[in-house]
Amino acid sequence: MTVVPSPDRLLPRDLTALILAGGQGRRMGGQDKGLIRLHERPLIEFVLRVLSPCVDRVLISANQHEDVYGRYGQVVADPAGFEGSQGPLAGLLAAAPYLQTPWLVVAGCDMPALPGDYVARLYGALMAQGGHIAFAHAGARDHSICLLLHVGALATLRDYLLSGRRAVLPWLEAQHALRVVFDDADAFLNVNTPEELARAVTVVPVGR
């Protein structure tokens, strides 16, 4: 699949956001990470502050606290037909039936330092090079759930998961996704541990 993006900037009417909030938070004592507070606000609100102005609609992949997450967007549960947790890609598959835009941007619920130009940078790479998926790389690490994709790419997901595979990066590589380098390693800080939450306190400004 090859999609050549429009030369114009990506408009909100063409873009849906999916926030992944389905993790079990084991390293945070089983807490729902999207609802952990940083500077007195749930982590998910920091992600929404970046994504909401860029999109037509917000979907949230979550399997608990649906009533709380429902205040921020439409909650989608993992798709039927699979046993056990299938990881982040199941969230993308769950979102597919609800998409009414040609583009989908994805981020985790626990990423309070997400850069303000996140969407523009990923889309700009696709405009420059062509393609249908771009994902972030920063701090010598791939951030494979931080991605922008044309919804046509989701057609391969169910078969990929049914084959027993769950890893995101191999799926992205099979789709010839573009790796987009961001200079600020802290921009993609995941709050997975108490230590990372303490780091977020110093990295993320109080008024962000």
C-alpha atoms as a PDB file:
ATOM      1  CA  MET A   1       0.000   0.000   0.000  1.00  0.00           C
ATOM      2  CA  THR A   2       1.343   3.418  -0.944  1.00  0.00           C
ATOM      3  CA  VAL A   3      -0.401   6.612   0.050  1.00  0.00           C
ATOM      4  CA  VAL A   4       0.946   9.980  -1.018  1.00  0.00           C
ATOM      5  CA  PRO A   5      -0.350  12.533   1.476  1.00  0.00           C
ATOM      6  CA  SER A   6      -1.856  15.816   0.403  1.00  0.00           C
ATOM      7  CA  PRO A   7       0.669  18.649   0.072  1.00  0.00           C
ATOM      8  CA  ASP A   8      -1.508  20.630   2.486  1.00  0.00           C
ATOM      9  CA  ARG A   9      -1.238  20.311   6.237  1.00  0.00           C
ATOM     10  CA  LEU A  10      -3.336  17.628   7.868  1.00  0.00           C
ATOM     11  CA  LEU A  11      -6.646  19.181   8.943  1.00  0.00           C
ATOM     12  CA  PRO A  12      -8.567  18.111  12.071  1.00  0.00           C
ATOM     13  CA  ARG A  13     -11.478  16.899   9.919  1.00  0.00           C
ATOM     14  CA  ASP A  14      -9.130  14.302   8.400  1.00  0.00           C
ATOM     15  CA  LEU A  15      -7.705  12.958  11.653  1.00  0.00           C
ATOM     16  CA  THR A  16      -8.847  10.850  14.605  1.00  0.00           C
ATOM     17  CA  ALA A  17      -6.797  10.375  17.778  1.00  0.00           C
ATOM     18  CA  LEU A  18      -6.485   7.049  19.560  1.00  0.00           C
ATOM     19  CA  ILE A  19      -5.090   7.090  23.086  1.00  0.00           C
ATOM     20  CA  LEU A  20      -3.964   3.689  24.354  1.00  0.00           C
ATOM     21  CA  ALA A  21      -5.003   3.202  27.974  1.00  0.00           C
ATOM     22  CA  GLY A  22      -5.318  -0.568  28.135  1.00  0.00           C
ATOM     23  CA  GLY A  23      -2.135  -1.397  30.036  1.00  0.00           C
ATOM     24  CA  GLN A  24      -2.288  -3.116  33.410  1.00  0.00           C
ATOM     25  CA  GLY A  25       0.212  -0.835  35.154  1.00  0.00           C
ATOM     26  CA  ARG A  26       2.013  -3.678  36.906  1.00  0.00           C
ATOM     27  CA  ARG A  27       5.147  -1.613  37.566  1.00  0.00           C
ATOM     28  CA  MET A  28       2.952   1.097  39.087  1.00  0.00           C
ATOM     29  CA  GLY A  29       1.338  -1.257  41.569  1.00  0.00           C
ATOM     30  CA  GLY A  30      -1.603  -2.016  39.289  1.00  0.00           C
ATOM     31  CA  GLN A  31      -2.689   1.610  38.980  1.00  0.00           C
ATOM     32  CA  ASP A  32      -4.439   2.745  35.824  1.00  0.00           C
ATOM     33  CA  LYS A  33      -1.619   4.842  34.392  1.00  0.00           C
ATOM     34  CA  GLY A  34      -3.749   7.262  32.425  1.00  0.00           C
ATOM     35  CA  LEU A  35      -5.422   8.369  35.657  1.00  0.00           C
ATOM     36  CA  ILE A  36      -2.252   8.756  37.738  1.00  0.00           C
ATOM     37  CA  ARG A  37      -1.831  12.395  38.683  1.00  0.00           C
ATOM     38  CA  LEU A  38       1.037  14.653  37.686  1.00  0.00           C
ATOM     39  CA  HIS A  39       0.882  18.255  38.879  1.00  0.00           C
ATOM     40  CA  GLU A  40      -2.635  17.451  40.160  1.00  0.00           C
ATOM     41  CA  ARG A  41      -3.886  16.352  36.728  1.00  0.00           C
ATOM     42  CA  PRO A  42      -4.415  12.844  35.248  1.00  0.00           C
ATOM     43  CA  LEU A  43      -1.667  11.879  32.802  1.00  0.00           C
ATOM     44  CA  ILE A  44      -4.162  11.444  29.980  1.00  0.00           C
ATOM     45  CA  GLU A  45      -5.009  15.141  30.122  1.00  0.00           C
ATOM     46  CA  PHE A  46      -1.454  16.048  29.099  1.00  0.00           C
ATOM     47  CA  VAL A  47      -1.768  13.847  26.022  1.00  0.00           C
ATOM     48  CA  LEU A  48      -5.170  15.295  25.178  1.00  0.00           C
ATOM     49  CA  ARG A  49      -3.819  18.819  25.387  1.00  0.00           C
ATOM     50  CA  VAL A  50      -1.487  18.036  22.479  1.00  0.00           C
ATOM     51  CA  LEU A  51      -3.817  15.880  20.371  1.00  0.00           C
ATOM     52  CA  SER A  52      -7.309  17.344  20.821  1.00  0.00           C
ATOM     53  CA  PRO A  53      -6.692  20.564  18.818  1.00  0.00           C
ATOM     54  CA  CYS A  54      -5.405  18.481  15.892  1.00  0.00           C
ATOM     55  CA  VAL A  55      -8.247  15.998  15.528  1.00  0.00           C
ATOM     56  CA  ASP A  56     -11.933  15.636  14.758  1.00  0.00           C
ATOM     57  CA  ARG A  57     -12.530  12.949  17.373  1.00  0.00           C
ATOM     58  CA  VAL A  58     -10.811  11.179  20.277  1.00  0.00           C
ATOM     59  CA  LEU A  59     -11.029   7.429  20.858  1.00  0.00           C
ATOM     60  CA  ILE A  60      -9.636   5.800  23.984  1.00  0.00           C
ATOM     61  CA  SER A  61      -8.684   2.136  24.122  1.00  0.00           C
ATOM     62  CA  ALA A  62      -9.437   1.065  27.690  1.00  0.00           C
ATOM     63  CA  ASN A  63     -10.679  -2.025  29.507  1.00  0.00           C
ATOM     64  CA  GLN A  64     -11.283  -0.430  32.897  1.00  0.00           C
ATOM     65  CA  HIS A  65     -12.570   2.869  34.309  1.00  0.00           C
ATOM     66  CA  GLU A  66     -14.600   3.330  31.143  1.00  0.00           C
ATOM     67  CA  ASP A  67     -16.851   5.845  32.878  1.00  0.00           C
ATOM     68  CA  VAL A  68     -13.904   8.091  33.703  1.00  0.00           C
ATOM     69  CA  TYR A  69     -12.281   7.793  30.294  1.00  0.00           C
ATOM     70  CA  GLY A  70     -15.654   8.429  28.689  1.00  0.00           C
ATOM     71  CA  ARG A  71     -15.374  12.038  29.835  1.00  0.00           C
ATOM     72  CA  TYR A  72     -12.446  12.492  27.475  1.00  0.00           C
ATOM     73  CA  GLY A  73     -13.544  10.605  24.367  1.00  0.00           C
ATOM     74  CA  GLN A  74     -15.301   7.495  23.078  1.00  0.00           C
ATOM     75  CA  VAL A  75     -14.035   4.379  24.810  1.00  0.00           C
ATOM     76  CA  VAL A  76     -13.368   1.304  22.663  1.00  0.00           C
ATOM     77  CA  ALA A  77     -12.734  -2.127  24.162  1.00  0.00           C
ATOM     78  CA  ASP A  78     -10.413  -4.803  22.785  1.00  0.00           C
ATOM     79  CA  PRO A  79     -11.927  -6.685  19.824  1.00  0.00           C
ATOM     80  CA  ALA A  80     -13.691 -10.004  20.299  1.00  0.00           C
ATOM     81  CA  GLY A  81     -12.187 -13.253  19.077  1.00  0.00           C
ATOM     82  CA  PHE A  82      -8.878 -13.109  20.929  1.00  0.00           C
ATOM     83  CA  GLU A  83      -7.785 -14.741  24.169  1.00  0.00           C
ATOM     84  CA  GLY A  84      -5.856 -12.701  26.712  1.00  0.00           C
ATOM     85  CA  SER A  85      -4.214  -9.347  26.222  1.00  0.00           C
ATOM     86  CA  GLN A  86      -3.076  -8.719  22.663  1.00  0.00           C
ATOM     87  CA  GLY A  87      -1.133  -5.543  23.424  1.00  0.00           C
ATOM     88  CA  PRO A  88      -1.302  -2.119  21.750  1.00  0.00           C
ATOM     89  CA  LEU A  89      -2.177  -3.386  18.284  1.00  0.00           C
ATOM     90  CA  ALA A  90      -5.467  -4.714  19.636  1.00  0.00           C
ATOM     91  CA  GLY A  91      -6.301  -1.129  20.523  1.00  0.00           C
ATOM     92  CA  LEU A  92      -5.783  -0.084  16.919  1.00  0.00           C
ATOM     93  CA  LEU A  93      -7.956  -2.943  15.713  1.00  0.00           C
ATOM     94  CA  ALA A  94     -10.649  -2.006  18.229  1.00  0.00           C
ATOM     95  CA  ALA A  95     -10.667   1.554  16.907  1.00  0.00           C
ATOM     96  CA  ALA A  96     -11.021   0.568  13.249  1.00  0.00           C
ATOM     97  CA  PRO A  97     -14.858   0.269  13.127  1.00  0.00           C
ATOM     98  CA  TYR A  98     -15.242   3.756  14.606  1.00  0.00           C
ATOM     99  CA  LEU A  99     -12.978   5.619  12.198  1.00  0.00           C
ATOM    100  CA  GLN A 100     -14.587   8.177   9.927  1.00  0.00           C
ATOM    101  CA  THR A 101     -11.404   9.973   8.931  1.00  0.00           C
ATOM    102  CA  PRO A 102      -8.617   8.860   6.579  1.00  0.00           C
ATOM    103  CA  TRP A 103      -5.863   9.322   9.172  1.00  0.00           C
ATOM    104  CA  LEU A 104      -5.302   8.066  12.717  1.00  0.00           C
ATOM    105  CA  VAL A 105      -2.752   9.365  15.234  1.00  0.00           C
ATOM    106  CA  VAL A 106      -1.854   7.159  18.190  1.00  0.00           C
ATOM    107  CA  ALA A 107      -0.161   7.778  21.540  1.00  0.00           C
ATOM    108  CA  GLY A 108      -0.021   6.228  24.990  1.00  0.00           C
ATOM    109  CA  CYS A 109      -2.033   7.629  27.883  1.00  0.00           C
ATOM    110  CA  ASP A 110       1.108   7.913  30.020  1.00  0.00           C
ATOM    111  CA  MET A 111       3.166  10.315  27.883  1.00  0.00           C
ATOM    112  CA  PRO A 112       2.848  13.753  29.527  1.00  0.00           C
ATOM    113  CA  ALA A 113       5.743  15.366  27.627  1.00  0.00           C
ATOM    114  CA  LEU A 114       4.472  14.600  24.117  1.00  0.00           C
ATOM    115  CA  PRO A 115       5.756  17.396  21.823  1.00  0.00           C
ATOM    116  CA  GLY A 116       3.376  20.009  20.517  1.00  0.00           C
ATOM    117  CA  ASP A 117       4.493  19.398  16.921  1.00  0.00           C
ATOM    118  CA  TYR A 118       4.006  15.624  17.218  1.00  0.00           C
ATOM    119  CA  VAL A 119       1.349  15.311  14.518  1.00  0.00           C
ATOM    120  CA  ALA A 120       2.944  17.873  12.204  1.00  0.00           C
ATOM    121  CA  ARG A 121       6.359  16.187  12.341  1.00  0.00           C
ATOM    122  CA  LEU A 122       5.015  12.729  11.547  1.00  0.00           C
ATOM    123  CA  TYR A 123       2.812  14.009   8.743  1.00  0.00           C
ATOM    124  CA  GLY A 124       5.607  16.174   7.381  1.00  0.00           C
ATOM    125  CA  ALA A 125       7.807  13.093   7.030  1.00  0.00           C
ATOM    126  CA  LEU A 126       5.082  11.350   5.036  1.00  0.00           C
ATOM    127  CA  MET A 127       4.629  14.404   2.811  1.00  0.00           C
ATOM    128  CA  ALA A 128       8.351  14.496   2.135  1.00  0.00           C
ATOM    129  CA  GLN A 129       8.911  10.784   1.561  1.00  0.00           C
ATOM    130  CA  GLY A 130       5.530   9.252   0.785  1.00  0.00           C
ATOM    131  CA  GLY A 131       4.129   6.264   2.614  1.00  0.00           C
ATOM    132  CA  HIS A 132       1.227   5.487   4.884  1.00  0.00           C
ATOM    133  CA  ILE A 133       2.693   5.085   8.393  1.00  0.00           C
ATOM    134  CA  ALA A 134       5.225   7.136  10.364  1.00  0.00           C
ATOM    135  CA  PHE A 135       6.365   6.529  13.937  1.00  0.00           C
ATOM    136  CA  ALA A 136       8.611   8.317  16.417  1.00  0.00           C
ATOM    137  CA  HIS A 137      12.213   7.635  17.344  1.00  0.00           C
ATOM    138  CA  ALA A 138      13.954   9.583  20.109  1.00  0.00           C
ATOM    139  CA  GLY A 139      16.654   9.007  22.682  1.00  0.00           C
ATOM    140  CA  ALA A 140      18.118   6.102  20.684  1.00  0.00           C
ATOM    141  CA  ARG A 141      14.784   4.281  21.025  1.00  0.00           C
ATOM    142  CA  ASP A 142      11.879   3.480  18.766  1.00  0.00           C
ATOM    143  CA  HIS A 143       8.549   4.581  20.188  1.00  0.00           C
ATOM    144  CA  SER A 144       6.448   2.253  18.125  1.00  0.00           C
ATOM    145  CA  ILE A 145       3.038   3.128  19.573  1.00  0.00           C
ATOM    146  CA  CYS A 146       3.631   6.807  18.773  1.00  0.00           C
ATOM    147  CA  LEU A 147       2.484   6.801  15.192  1.00  0.00           C
ATOM    148  CA  LEU A 148       0.419   8.362  12.454  1.00  0.00           C
ATOM    149  CA  LEU A 149      -1.145   6.091   9.880  1.00  0.00           C
ATOM    150  CA  HIS A 150      -3.540   6.037   6.972  1.00  0.00           C
ATOM    151  CA  VAL A 151      -6.495   3.908   8.036  1.00  0.00           C
ATOM    152  CA  GLY A 152      -6.020   1.590   5.056  1.00  0.00           C
ATOM    153  CA  ALA A 153      -3.019   0.133   6.861  1.00  0.00           C
ATOM    154  CA  LEU A 154      -5.299  -1.377   9.498  1.00  0.00           C
ATOM    155  CA  ALA A 155      -6.546  -3.977   7.002  1.00  0.00           C
ATOM    156  CA  THR A 156      -3.620  -6.267   7.836  1.00  0.00           C
ATOM    157  CA  LEU A 157      -3.952  -6.104  11.620  1.00  0.00           C
ATOM    158  CA  ARG A 158      -6.494  -8.835  12.362  1.00  0.00           C
ATOM    159  CA  ASP A 159      -4.577 -11.478  10.411  1.00  0.00           C
ATOM    160  CA  TYR A 160      -1.345 -10.387  12.090  1.00  0.00           C
ATOM    161  CA  LEU A 161      -2.848 -10.824  15.567  1.00  0.00           C
ATOM    162  CA  LEU A 162      -4.627 -14.063  14.668  1.00  0.00           C
ATOM    163  CA  SER A 163      -1.254 -15.481  13.631  1.00  0.00           C
ATOM    164  CA  GLY A 164      -0.132 -15.133  17.246  1.00  0.00           C
ATOM    165  CA  ARG A 165       2.065 -12.096  16.751  1.00  0.00           C
ATOM    166  CA  ARG A 166       1.650  -9.042  18.975  1.00  0.00           C
ATOM    167  CA  ALA A 167       4.858  -7.015  18.667  1.00  0.00           C
ATOM    168  CA  VAL A 168       4.284  -3.585  17.173  1.00  0.00           C
ATOM    169  CA  LEU A 169       7.633  -2.905  15.518  1.00  0.00           C
ATOM    170  CA  PRO A 170       7.672  -5.983  13.234  1.00  0.00           C
ATOM    171  CA  TRP A 171       4.196  -5.040  12.022  1.00  0.00           C
ATOM    172  CA  LEU A 172       5.359  -1.488  11.322  1.00  0.00           C
ATOM    173  CA  GLU A 173       8.415  -2.734   9.460  1.00  0.00           C
ATOM    174  CA  ALA A 174       6.256  -5.049   7.347  1.00  0.00           C
ATOM    175  CA  GLN A 175       4.223  -1.964   6.418  1.00  0.00           C
ATOM    176  CA  HIS A 176       7.408  -0.070   5.437  1.00  0.00           C
ATOM    177  CA  ALA A 177       6.709   2.566   8.077  1.00  0.00           C
ATOM    178  CA  LEU A 178       8.881   5.663   8.259  1.00  0.00           C
ATOM    179  CA  ARG A 179      11.000   6.217  11.370  1.00  0.00           C
ATOM    180  CA  VAL A 180      10.884   9.925  12.286  1.00  0.00           C
ATOM    181  CA  VAL A 181      13.649  11.190  14.561  1.00  0.00           C
ATOM    182  CA  PHE A 182      12.779  13.671  17.323  1.00  0.00           C
ATOM    183  CA  ASP A 183      15.669  15.399  19.071  1.00  0.00           C
ATOM    184  CA  ASP A 184      14.182  15.578  22.573  1.00  0.00           C
ATOM    185  CA  ALA A 185      14.420  12.167  24.227  1.00  0.00           C
ATOM    186  CA  ASP A 186      12.232  13.271  27.131  1.00  0.00           C
ATOM    187  CA  ALA A 187       9.382  14.123  24.765  1.00  0.00           C
ATOM    188  CA  PHE A 188       8.385  10.460  24.672  1.00  0.00           C
ATOM    189  CA  LEU A 189       8.836   9.683  28.347  1.00  0.00           C
ATOM    190  CA  ASN A 190       6.545   6.803  29.346  1.00  0.00           C
ATOM    191  CA  VAL A 191       5.454   6.804  32.979  1.00  0.00           C
ATOM    192  CA  ASN A 192       5.744   3.096  33.681  1.00  0.00           C
ATOM    193  CA  THR A 193       7.421   3.219  37.105  1.00  0.00           C
ATOM    194  CA  PRO A 194       7.444   5.467  40.187  1.00  0.00           C
ATOM    195  CA  GLU A 195      10.913   6.603  39.134  1.00  0.00           C
ATOM    196  CA  GLU A 196       9.623   7.707  35.740  1.00  0.00           C
ATOM    197  CA  LEU A 197       6.773   9.565  37.396  1.00  0.00           C
ATOM    198  CA  ALA A 198       9.320  11.394  39.540  1.00  0.00           C
ATOM    199  CA  ARG A 199      11.246  12.272  36.389  1.00  0.00           C
ATOM    200  CA  ALA A 200       8.087  13.554  34.737  1.00  0.00           C
ATOM    201  CA  VAL A 201       7.663  15.977  37.631  1.00  0.00           C
ATOM    202  CA  THR A 202      10.950  17.612  36.628  1.00  0.00           C
ATOM    203  CA  VAL A 203      10.512  17.322  32.850  1.00  0.00           C
ATOM    204  CA  VAL A 204       6.934  18.516  32.421  1.00  0.00           C
ATOM    205  CA  PRO A 205       6.215  22.155  33.350  1.00  0.00           C
ATOM    206  CA  VAL A 206       3.472  22.703  35.903  1.00  0.00           C
ATOM    207  CA  GLY A 207       1.394  24.794  33.520  1.00  0.00           C
ATOM    208  CA  ARG A 208       1.729  22.555  30.446  1.00  0.00           C
END
